[in-house]
PDB file of N, CA and C in Angstrom:
ATOM      1  N   MET A   1     -62.133 140.162  86.913  1.00  0.00           N
ATOM      2  CA  MET A   1     -60.781 140.008  86.420  1.00  0.00           C
ATOM      3  C   MET A   1     -59.877 140.994  87.154  1.00  0.00           C
ATOM      4  N   ALA A   2     -58.728 140.535  87.581  1.00  0.00           N
ATOM      5  CA  ALA A   2     -57.787 141.392  88.301  1.00  0.00           C
ATOM      6  C   ALA A   2     -57.337 142.560  87.425  1.00  0.00           C
ATOM      7  N   ALA A   3     -56.974 143.638  88.091  1.00  0.00           N
ATOM      8  CA  ALA A   3     -56.449 144.809  87.402  1.00  0.00           C
ATOM      9  C   ALA A   3     -55.217 145.284  88.157  1.00  0.00           C
ATOM     10  N   TYR A   4     -54.351 145.986  87.454  1.00  0.00           N
ATOM     11  CA  TYR A   4     -53.077 146.402  88.021  1.00  0.00           C
ATOM     12  C   TYR A   4     -52.882 147.899  87.841  1.00  0.00           C
ATOM     13  N   TRP A   5     -52.629 148.560  88.938  1.00  0.00           N
ATOM     14  CA  TRP A   5     -52.296 149.983  88.951  1.00  0.00           C
ATOM     15  C   TRP A   5     -50.785 150.019  88.825  1.00  0.00           C
ATOM     16  N   VAL A   6     -50.312 150.570  87.740  1.00  0.00           N
ATOM     17  CA  VAL A   6     -48.884 150.629  87.464  1.00  0.00           C
ATOM     18  C   VAL A   6     -48.475 152.102  87.475  1.00  0.00           C
ATOM     19  N   ALA A   7     -47.465 152.417  88.248  1.00  0.00           N
ATOM     20  CA  ALA A   7     -47.018 153.803  88.349  1.00  0.00           C
ATOM     21  C   ALA A   7     -45.505 153.864  88.213  1.00  0.00           C
ATOM     22  N   ARG A   8     -45.056 154.967  87.658  1.00  0.00           N
ATOM     23  CA  ARG A   8     -43.630 155.255  87.653  1.00  0.00           C
ATOM     24  C   ARG A   8     -43.470 156.688  88.108  1.00  0.00           C
ATOM     25  N   ALA A   9     -42.435 156.914  88.891  1.00  0.00           N
ATOM     26  CA  ALA A   9     -42.299 158.210  89.544  1.00  0.00           C
ATOM     27  C   ALA A   9     -40.871 158.723  89.480  1.00  0.00           C
ATOM     28  N   ARG A  10     -40.796 160.036  89.446  1.00  0.00           N
ATOM     29  CA  ARG A  10     -39.538 160.751  89.645  1.00  0.00           C
ATOM     30  C   ARG A  10     -39.765 161.644  90.857  1.00  0.00           C
ATOM     31  N   ILE A  11     -38.982 161.442  91.887  1.00  0.00           N
ATOM     32  CA  ILE A  11     -39.168 162.176  93.139  1.00  0.00           C
ATOM     33  C   ILE A  11     -38.203 163.358  93.167  1.00  0.00           C
ATOM     34  N   ASP A  12     -38.758 164.552  93.261  1.00  0.00           N
ATOM     35  CA  ASP A  12     -37.957 165.771  93.299  1.00  0.00           C
ATOM     36  C   ASP A  12     -37.813 166.321  94.718  1.00  0.00           C
ATOM     37  N   ASP A  13     -38.778 166.050  95.574  1.00  0.00           N
ATOM     38  CA  ASP A  13     -38.766 166.525  96.965  1.00  0.00           C
ATOM     39  C   ASP A  13     -39.121 165.343  97.867  1.00  0.00           C
ATOM     40  N   PRO A  14     -38.106 164.599  98.334  1.00  0.00           N
ATOM     41  CA  PRO A  14     -38.368 163.391  99.124  1.00  0.00           C
ATOM     42  C   PRO A  14     -39.180 163.628 100.396  1.00  0.00           C
ATOM     43  N   VAL A  15     -39.015 164.758 101.040  1.00  0.00           N
ATOM     44  CA  VAL A  15     -39.752 165.034 102.276  1.00  0.00           C
ATOM     45  C   VAL A  15     -41.245 165.179 101.971  1.00  0.00           C
ATOM     46  N   GLN A  16     -41.570 165.963 100.966  1.00  0.00           N
ATOM     47  CA  GLN A  16     -42.969 166.149 100.575  1.00  0.00           C
ATOM     48  C   GLN A  16     -43.561 164.849 100.031  1.00  0.00           C
ATOM     49  N   TYR A  17     -42.778 164.107  99.260  1.00  0.00           N
ATOM     50  CA  TYR A  17     -43.256 162.842  98.697  1.00  0.00           C
ATOM     51  C   TYR A  17     -43.568 161.836  99.803  1.00  0.00           C
ATOM     52  N   LYS A  18     -42.768 161.844 100.870  1.00  0.00           N
ATOM     53  CA  LYS A  18     -43.002 160.924 101.982  1.00  0.00           C
ATOM     54  C   LYS A  18     -44.333 161.221 102.676  1.00  0.00           C
ATOM     55  N   ARG A  19     -44.741 162.472 102.693  1.00  0.00           N
ATOM     56  CA  ARG A  19     -46.052 162.803 103.272  1.00  0.00           C
ATOM     57  C   ARG A  19     -47.149 162.059 102.508  1.00  0.00           C
ATOM     58  N   TYR A  20     -46.964 161.906 101.222  1.00  0.00           N
ATOM     59  CA  TYR A  20     -47.890 161.141 100.365  1.00  0.00           C
ATOM     60  C   TYR A  20     -47.771 159.646 100.655  1.00  0.00           C
ATOM     61  N   THR A  21     -46.548 159.129 100.614  1.00  0.00           N
ATOM     62  CA  THR A  21     -46.372 157.679 100.761  1.00  0.00           C
ATOM     63  C   THR A  21     -46.715 157.170 102.159  1.00  0.00           C
ATOM     64  N   ASP A  22     -46.682 158.029 103.157  1.00  0.00           N
ATOM     65  CA  ASP A  22     -47.088 157.606 104.500  1.00  0.00           C
ATOM     66  C   ASP A  22     -48.582 157.287 104.566  1.00  0.00           C
ATOM     67  N   LEU A  23     -49.369 157.913 103.714  1.00  0.00           N
ATOM     68  CA  LEU A  23     -50.827 157.741 103.736  1.00  0.00           C
ATOM     69  C   LEU A  23     -51.338 156.643 102.803  1.00  0.00           C
ATOM     70  N   VAL A  24     -50.632 156.407 101.729  1.00  0.00           N
ATOM     71  CA  VAL A  24     -51.168 155.575 100.650  1.00  0.00           C
ATOM     72  C   VAL A  24     -51.386 154.103 101.002  1.00  0.00           C
ATOM     73  N   PRO A  25     -50.494 153.415 101.712  1.00  0.00           N
ATOM     74  CA  PRO A  25     -50.732 151.981 101.967  1.00  0.00           C
ATOM     75  C   PRO A  25     -52.091 151.683 102.600  1.00  0.00           C
ATOM     76  N   ALA A  26     -52.494 152.459 103.582  1.00  0.00           N
ATOM     77  CA  ALA A  26     -53.792 152.221 104.233  1.00  0.00           C
ATOM     78  C   ALA A  26     -54.944 152.483 103.267  1.00  0.00           C
ATOM     79  N   ILE A  27     -54.802 153.476 102.410  1.00  0.00           N
ATOM     80  CA  ILE A  27     -55.851 153.779 101.431  1.00  0.00           C
ATOM     81  C   ILE A  27     -55.989 152.627 100.443  1.00  0.00           C
ATOM     82  N   ILE A  28     -54.874 152.135  99.953  1.00  0.00           N
ATOM     83  CA  ILE A  28     -54.891 151.003  99.018  1.00  0.00           C
ATOM     84  C   ILE A  28     -55.543 149.787  99.678  1.00  0.00           C
ATOM     85  N   ALA A  29     -55.130 149.477 100.891  1.00  0.00           N
ATOM     86  CA  ALA A  29     -55.681 148.317 101.605  1.00  0.00           C
ATOM     87  C   ALA A  29     -57.180 148.463 101.818  1.00  0.00           C
ATOM     88  N   SER A  30     -57.646 149.675 102.097  1.00  0.00           N
ATOM     89  CA  SER A  30     -59.080 149.878 102.338  1.00  0.00           C
ATOM     90  C   SER A  30     -59.919 149.651 101.083  1.00  0.00           C
ATOM     91  N   HIS A  31     -59.266 149.637  99.927  1.00  0.00           N
ATOM     92  CA  HIS A  31     -59.956 149.373  98.660  1.00  0.00           C
ATOM     93  C   HIS A  31     -59.641 147.974  98.133  1.00  0.00           C
ATOM     94  N   GLY A  32     -59.067 147.138  98.973  1.00  0.00           N
ATOM     95  CA  GLY A  32     -58.784 145.758  98.586  1.00  0.00           C
ATOM     96  C   GLY A  32     -57.552 145.597  97.721  1.00  0.00           C
ATOM     97  N   GLY A  33     -56.718 146.619  97.644  1.00  0.00           N
ATOM     98  CA  GLY A  33     -55.510 146.539  96.827  1.00  0.00           C
ATOM     99  C   GLY A  33     -54.378 145.846  97.547  1.00  0.00           C
ATOM    100  N   ARG A  34     -53.474 145.305  96.758  1.00  0.00           N
ATOM    101  CA  ARG A  34     -52.307 144.606  97.297  1.00  0.00           C
ATOM    102  C   ARG A  34     -51.082 145.051  96.514  1.00  0.00           C
ATOM    103  N   VAL A  35     -50.101 145.614  97.217  1.00  0.00           N
ATOM    104  CA  VAL A  35     -48.882 146.085  96.566  1.00  0.00           C
ATOM    105  C   VAL A  35     -48.042 144.874  96.178  1.00  0.00           C
ATOM    106  N   LEU A  36     -47.709 144.788  94.894  1.00  0.00           N
ATOM    107  CA  LEU A  36     -46.880 143.692  94.396  1.00  0.00           C
ATOM    108  C   LEU A  36     -45.425 144.114  94.255  1.00  0.00           C
ATOM    109  N   ALA A  37     -45.192 145.362  93.915  1.00  0.00           N
ATOM    110  CA  ALA A  37     -43.824 145.885  93.778  1.00  0.00           C
ATOM    111  C   ALA A  37     -43.860 147.363  94.116  1.00  0.00           C
ATOM    112  N   ARG A  38     -42.853 147.800  94.871  1.00  0.00           N
ATOM    113  CA  ARG A  38     -42.787 149.222  95.223  1.00  0.00           C
ATOM    114  C   ARG A  38     -41.343 149.586  95.551  1.00  0.00           C
ATOM    115  N   GLY A  39     -40.745 150.379  94.675  1.00  0.00           N
ATOM    116  CA  GLY A  39     -39.436 150.948  94.964  1.00  0.00           C
ATOM    117  C   GLY A  39     -38.276 149.977  94.994  1.00  0.00           C
ATOM    118  N   GLY A  40     -38.425 148.777  94.456  1.00  0.00           N
ATOM    119  CA  GLY A  40     -37.339 147.809  94.460  1.00  0.00           C
ATOM    120  C   GLY A  40     -36.357 148.051  93.319  1.00  0.00           C
ATOM    121  N   ARG A  41     -35.440 147.148  93.197  1.00  0.00           N
ATOM    122  CA  ARG A  41     -34.464 147.216  92.105  1.00  0.00           C
ATOM    123  C   ARG A  41     -35.194 147.135  90.774  1.00  0.00           C
ATOM    124  N   PHE A  42     -34.642 147.779  89.765  1.00  0.00           N
ATOM    125  CA  PHE A  42     -35.238 147.752  88.430  1.00  0.00           C
ATOM    126  C   PHE A  42     -34.153 147.959  87.392  1.00  0.00           C
ATOM    127  N   GLN A  43     -34.487 147.622  86.179  1.00  0.00           N
ATOM    128  CA  GLN A  43     -33.622 147.909  85.039  1.00  0.00           C
ATOM    129  C   GLN A  43     -34.509 148.334  83.891  1.00  0.00           C
ATOM    130  N   ILE A  44     -34.309 149.533  83.401  1.00  0.00           N
ATOM    131  CA  ILE A  44     -35.072 150.015  82.257  1.00  0.00           C
ATOM    132  C   ILE A  44     -34.528 149.323  81.023  1.00  0.00           C
ATOM    133  N   MET A  45     -35.403 148.642  80.327  1.00  0.00           N
ATOM    134  CA  MET A  45     -35.001 147.872  79.151  1.00  0.00           C
ATOM    135  C   MET A  45     -35.129 148.682  77.866  1.00  0.00           C
ATOM    136  N   GLU A  46     -36.047 149.632  77.875  1.00  0.00           N
ATOM    137  CA  GLU A  46     -36.280 150.436  76.683  1.00  0.00           C
ATOM    138  C   GLU A  46     -37.076 151.662  77.100  1.00  0.00           C
ATOM    139  N   GLY A  47     -36.822 152.767  76.476  1.00  0.00           N
ATOM    140  CA  GLY A  47     -37.569 153.981  76.776  1.00  0.00           C
ATOM    141  C   GLY A  47     -36.772 154.952  77.616  1.00  0.00           C
ATOM    142  N   PRO A  48     -37.391 156.087  77.917  1.00  0.00           N
ATOM    143  CA  PRO A  48     -36.681 157.142  78.656  1.00  0.00           C
ATOM    144  C   PRO A  48     -36.363 156.731  80.085  1.00  0.00           C
ATOM    145  N   GLU A  49     -35.288 157.272  80.589  1.00  0.00           N
ATOM    146  CA  GLU A  49     -34.864 156.976  81.958  1.00  0.00           C
ATOM    147  C   GLU A  49     -35.219 158.133  82.887  1.00  0.00           C
ATOM    148  N   ASP A  50     -36.433 158.647  82.733  1.00  0.00           N
ATOM    149  CA  ASP A  50     -36.887 159.799  83.502  1.00  0.00           C
ATOM    150  C   ASP A  50     -37.394 159.425  84.890  1.00  0.00           C
ATOM    151  N   PHE A  51     -37.662 158.166  85.119  1.00  0.00           N
ATOM    152  CA  PHE A  51     -38.290 157.736  86.366  1.00  0.00           C
ATOM    153  C   PHE A  51     -37.363 156.788  87.117  1.00  0.00           C
ATOM    154  N   HIS A  52     -37.449 156.802  88.451  1.00  0.00           N
ATOM    155  CA  HIS A  52     -36.560 155.949  89.232  1.00  0.00           C
ATOM    156  C   HIS A  52     -37.284 155.208  90.349  1.00  0.00           C
ATOM    157  N   ARG A  53     -38.609 155.232  90.318  1.00  0.00           N
ATOM    158  CA  ARG A  53     -39.399 154.466  91.290  1.00  0.00           C
ATOM    159  C   ARG A  53     -40.581 153.875  90.539  1.00  0.00           C
ATOM    160  N   PHE A  54     -40.816 152.594  90.744  1.00  0.00           N
ATOM    161  CA  PHE A  54     -41.870 151.885  90.028  1.00  0.00           C
ATOM    162  C   PHE A  54     -42.739 151.139  91.027  1.00  0.00           C
ATOM    163  N   ILE A  55     -44.046 151.167  90.779  1.00  0.00           N
ATOM    164  CA  ILE A  55     -45.005 150.595  91.714  1.00  0.00           C
ATOM    165  C   ILE A  55     -46.028 149.778  90.927  1.00  0.00           C
ATOM    166  N   VAL A  56     -46.383 148.602  91.444  1.00  0.00           N
ATOM    167  CA  VAL A  56     -47.435 147.770  90.859  1.00  0.00           C
ATOM    168  C   VAL A  56     -48.358 147.343  91.997  1.00  0.00           C
ATOM    169  N   ILE A  57     -49.654 147.636  91.836  1.00  0.00           N
ATOM    170  CA  ILE A  57     -50.652 147.315  92.852  1.00  0.00           C
ATOM    171  C   ILE A  57     -51.755 146.501  92.189  1.00  0.00           C
ATOM    172  N   GLU A  58     -52.146 145.406  92.799  1.00  0.00           N
ATOM    173  CA  GLU A  58     -53.199 144.546  92.256  1.00  0.00           C
ATOM    174  C   GLU A  58     -54.531 144.838  92.952  1.00  0.00           C
ATOM    175  N   PHE A  59     -55.578 144.937  92.159  1.00  0.00           N
ATOM    176  CA  PHE A  59     -56.946 145.070  92.654  1.00  0.00           C
ATOM    177  C   PHE A  59     -57.780 143.942  92.061  1.00  0.00           C
ATOM    178  N   GLN A  60     -58.903 143.637  92.692  1.00  0.00           N
ATOM    179  CA  GLN A  60     -59.759 142.559  92.192  1.00  0.00           C
ATOM    180  C   GLN A  60     -60.365 142.898  90.840  1.00  0.00           C
ATOM    181  N   THR A  61     -60.626 144.179  90.610  1.00  0.00           N
ATOM    182  CA  THR A  61     -61.234 144.606  89.346  1.00  0.00           C
ATOM    183  C   THR A  61     -60.675 145.968  88.947  1.00  0.00           C
ATOM    184  N   LEU A  62     -60.849 146.318  87.704  1.00  0.00           N
ATOM    185  CA  LEU A  62     -60.485 147.644  87.212  1.00  0.00           C
ATOM    186  C   LEU A  62     -61.257 148.712  87.980  1.00  0.00           C
ATOM    187  N   GLU A  63     -62.531 148.451  88.206  1.00  0.00           N
ATOM    188  CA  GLU A  63     -63.378 149.415  88.911  1.00  0.00           C
ATOM    189  C   GLU A  63     -62.887 149.684  90.328  1.00  0.00           C
ATOM    190  N   ALA A  64     -62.406 148.643  91.004  1.00  0.00           N
ATOM    191  CA  ALA A  64     -61.884 148.822  92.364  1.00  0.00           C
ATOM    192  C   ALA A  64     -60.633 149.701  92.356  1.00  0.00           C
ATOM    193  N   GLY A  65     -59.765 149.506  91.384  1.00  0.00           N
ATOM    194  CA  GLY A  65     -58.566 150.336  91.267  1.00  0.00           C
ATOM    195  C   GLY A  65     -58.908 151.781  90.971  1.00  0.00           C
ATOM    196  N   VAL A  66     -59.832 151.989  90.051  1.00  0.00           N
ATOM    197  CA  VAL A  66     -60.260 153.350  89.708  1.00  0.00           C
ATOM    198  C   VAL A  66     -60.922 154.017  90.916  1.00  0.00           C
ATOM    199  N   ALA A  67     -61.747 153.263  91.637  1.00  0.00           N
ATOM    200  CA  ALA A  67     -62.409 153.819  92.829  1.00  0.00           C
ATOM    201  C   ALA A  67     -61.378 154.248  93.870  1.00  0.00           C
ATOM    202  N   CYS A  68     -60.324 153.481  94.037  1.00  0.00           N
ATOM    203  CA  CYS A  68     -59.266 153.845  94.970  1.00  0.00           C
ATOM    204  C   CYS A  68     -58.596 155.138  94.520  1.00  0.00           C
ATOM    205  N   PHE A  69     -58.217 155.208  93.251  1.00  0.00           N
ATOM    206  CA  PHE A  69     -57.535 156.389  92.721  1.00  0.00           C
ATOM    207  C   PHE A  69     -58.398 157.640  92.835  1.00  0.00           C
ATOM    208  N   GLN A  70     -59.692 157.479  92.663  1.00  0.00           N
ATOM    209  CA  GLN A  70     -60.599 158.629  92.694  1.00  0.00           C
ATOM    210  C   GLN A  70     -61.194 158.908  94.073  1.00  0.00           C
ATOM    211  N   SER A  71     -60.843 158.098  95.064  1.00  0.00           N
ATOM    212  CA  SER A  71     -61.418 158.275  96.401  1.00  0.00           C
ATOM    213  C   SER A  71     -60.951 159.594  97.015  1.00  0.00           C
ATOM    214  N   PRO A  72     -61.785 160.189  97.847  1.00  0.00           N
ATOM    215  CA  PRO A  72     -61.387 161.440  98.513  1.00  0.00           C
ATOM    216  C   PRO A  72     -60.095 161.294  99.316  1.00  0.00           C
ATOM    217  N   GLU A  73     -59.895 160.133  99.926  1.00  0.00           N
ATOM    218  CA  GLU A  73     -58.694 159.908 100.725  1.00  0.00           C
ATOM    219  C   GLU A  73     -57.441 159.919  99.847  1.00  0.00           C
ATOM    220  N   TYR A  74     -57.522 159.231  98.695  1.00  0.00           N
ATOM    221  CA  TYR A  74     -56.352 159.200  97.809  1.00  0.00           C
ATOM    222  C   TYR A  74     -56.103 160.570  97.180  1.00  0.00           C
ATOM    223  N   VAL A  75     -57.155 161.235  96.763  1.00  0.00           N
ATOM    224  CA  VAL A  75     -57.007 162.566  96.163  1.00  0.00           C
ATOM    225  C   VAL A  75     -56.326 163.511  97.161  1.00  0.00           C
ATOM    226  N   ALA A  76     -56.716 163.443  98.431  1.00  0.00           N
ATOM    227  CA  ALA A  76     -56.091 164.289  99.458  1.00  0.00           C
ATOM    228  C   ALA A  76     -54.618 163.926  99.641  1.00  0.00           C
ATOM    229  N   ALA A  77     -54.306 162.637  99.667  1.00  0.00           N
ATOM    230  CA  ALA A  77     -52.909 162.214  99.812  1.00  0.00           C
ATOM    231  C   ALA A  77     -52.088 162.625  98.596  1.00  0.00           C
ATOM    232  N   ALA A  78     -52.642 162.442  97.397  1.00  0.00           N
ATOM    233  CA  ALA A  78     -51.926 162.768  96.166  1.00  0.00           C
ATOM    234  C   ALA A  78     -51.616 164.255  96.055  1.00  0.00           C
ATOM    235  N   ALA A  79     -52.367 165.086  96.747  1.00  0.00           N
ATOM    236  CA  ALA A  79     -52.106 166.530  96.720  1.00  0.00           C
ATOM    237  C   ALA A  79     -50.689 166.834  97.212  1.00  0.00           C
ATOM    238  N   PHE A  80     -50.149 166.017  98.122  1.00  0.00           N
ATOM    239  CA  PHE A  80     -48.784 166.235  98.601  1.00  0.00           C
ATOM    240  C   PHE A  80     -47.778 166.067  97.465  1.00  0.00           C
ATOM    241  N   ARG A  81     -47.917 165.021  96.662  1.00  0.00           N
ATOM    242  CA  ARG A  81     -46.954 164.818  95.583  1.00  0.00           C
ATOM    243  C   ARG A  81     -47.253 165.708  94.390  1.00  0.00           C
ATOM    244  N   ARG A  82     -48.511 166.022  94.173  1.00  0.00           N
ATOM    245  CA  ARG A  82     -48.874 166.882  93.053  1.00  0.00           C
ATOM    246  C   ARG A  82     -48.447 168.326  93.280  1.00  0.00           C
ATOM    247  N   GLY A  83     -48.107 168.668  94.498  1.00  0.00           N
ATOM    248  CA  GLY A  83     -47.683 170.016  94.837  1.00  0.00           C
ATOM    249  C   GLY A  83     -46.197 170.260  94.589  1.00  0.00           C
ATOM    250  N   GLY A  84     -45.576 169.485  93.741  1.00  0.00           N
ATOM    251  CA  GLY A  84     -44.174 169.698  93.399  1.00  0.00           C
ATOM    252  C   GLY A  84     -43.214 168.661  93.940  1.00  0.00           C
ATOM    253  N   ALA A  85     -43.716 167.603  94.552  1.00  0.00           N
ATOM    254  CA  ALA A  85     -42.836 166.573  95.112  1.00  0.00           C
ATOM    255  C   ALA A  85     -42.210 165.699  94.037  1.00  0.00           C
ATOM    256  N   GLY A  86     -42.813 165.692  92.866  1.00  0.00           N
ATOM    257  CA  GLY A  86     -42.270 164.877  91.790  1.00  0.00           C
ATOM    258  C   GLY A  86     -43.266 164.719  90.663  1.00  0.00           C
ATOM    259  N   ILE A  87     -42.900 163.871  89.732  1.00  0.00           N
ATOM    260  CA  ILE A  87     -43.732 163.565  88.576  1.00  0.00           C
ATOM    261  C   ILE A  87     -44.109 162.094  88.665  1.00  0.00           C
ATOM    262  N   VAL A  88     -45.385 161.800  88.489  1.00  0.00           N
ATOM    263  CA  VAL A  88     -45.854 160.417  88.542  1.00  0.00           C
ATOM    264  C   VAL A  88     -46.770 160.169  87.356  1.00  0.00           C
ATOM    265  N   GLU A  89     -46.595 159.028  86.737  1.00  0.00           N
ATOM    266  CA  GLU A  89     -47.526 158.558  85.707  1.00  0.00           C
ATOM    267  C   GLU A  89     -48.228 157.332  86.263  1.00  0.00           C
ATOM    268  N   ASN A  90     -49.550 157.303  86.152  1.00  0.00           N
ATOM    269  CA  ASN A  90     -50.354 156.187  86.665  1.00  0.00           C
ATOM    270  C   ASN A  90     -51.215 155.624  85.549  1.00  0.00           C
ATOM    271  N   VAL A  91     -51.351 154.328  85.545  1.00  0.00           N
ATOM    272  CA  VAL A  91     -52.300 153.663  84.648  1.00  0.00           C
ATOM    273  C   VAL A  91     -52.861 152.469  85.406  1.00  0.00           C
ATOM    274  N   ILE A  92     -54.132 152.190  85.191  1.00  0.00           N
ATOM    275  CA  ILE A  92     -54.732 150.985  85.760  1.00  0.00           C
ATOM    276  C   ILE A  92     -55.153 150.137  84.568  1.00  0.00           C
ATOM    277  N   VAL A  93     -54.640 148.947  84.508  1.00  0.00           N
ATOM    278  CA  VAL A  93     -54.868 148.063  83.362  1.00  0.00           C
ATOM    279  C   VAL A  93     -55.452 146.743  83.840  1.00  0.00           C
ATOM    280  N   GLU A  94     -56.454 146.287  83.123  1.00  0.00           N
ATOM    281  CA  GLU A  94     -57.084 145.018  83.444  1.00  0.00           C
ATOM    282  C   GLU A  94     -56.201 143.879  82.948  1.00  0.00           C
ATOM    283  N   GLY A  95     -56.044 142.858  83.806  1.00  0.00           N
ATOM    284  CA  GLY A  95     -55.323 141.677  83.381  1.00  0.00           C
ATOM    285  C   GLY A  95     -56.134 140.979  82.303  1.00  0.00           C
ATOM    286  N   GLY A  96     -55.503 140.262  81.487  1.00  0.00           N
ATOM    287  CA  GLY A  96     -56.249 139.638  80.400  1.00  0.00           C
ATOM    288  C   GLY A  96     -55.465 138.488  79.801  1.00  0.00           C
ATOM    289  N   ASP A  97     -55.763 138.222  78.588  1.00  0.00           N
ATOM    290  CA  ASP A  97     -55.121 137.150  77.842  1.00  0.00           C
ATOM    291  C   ASP A  97     -53.617 137.416  77.773  1.00  0.00           C
ATOM    292  N   ALA A  98     -52.833 136.475  78.219  1.00  0.00           N
ATOM    293  CA  ALA A  98     -51.380 136.624  78.223  1.00  0.00           C
ATOM    294  C   ALA A  98     -50.743 136.202  76.904  1.00  0.00           C
ATOM    295  N   THR A  99     -51.561 135.949  75.881  1.00  0.00           N
ATOM    296  CA  THR A  99     -51.042 135.566  74.589  1.00  0.00           C
ATOM    297  C   THR A  99     -50.301 136.736  73.962  1.00  0.00           C
ATOM    298  N   PRO A 100     -49.078 136.538  73.483  1.00  0.00           N
ATOM    299  CA  PRO A 100     -48.323 137.638  72.863  1.00  0.00           C
ATOM    300  C   PRO A 100     -49.094 138.223  71.673  1.00  0.00           C
ATOM    301  N   THR A 101     -48.970 139.541  71.528  1.00  0.00           N
ATOM    302  CA  THR A 101     -49.625 140.192  70.388  1.00  0.00           C
ATOM    303  C   THR A 101     -48.654 140.451  69.277  1.00  0.00           C
TER     304      THR A 101
END
């Protein structure tokens, strides 16, 4: 079942953050991920307006997404943004029944 890595970010240091984003596409691709949305137009419908960049990445499975996030390559790249470039929240969620709850 497909899974989706959903992230929202607030970028405080664009130069440092770019060091991270320059590396990530190849890492995602090497784990079979496909970027569905990244940095496009958005409208917050509800909740805090603390973030201004949103990313959605599709993986074949939850395990593949987790493996990408935990890979040595991604951990090394993420060190650039974790060093003060901004705040990011990440979640990987398995696709499932689309029936409203």
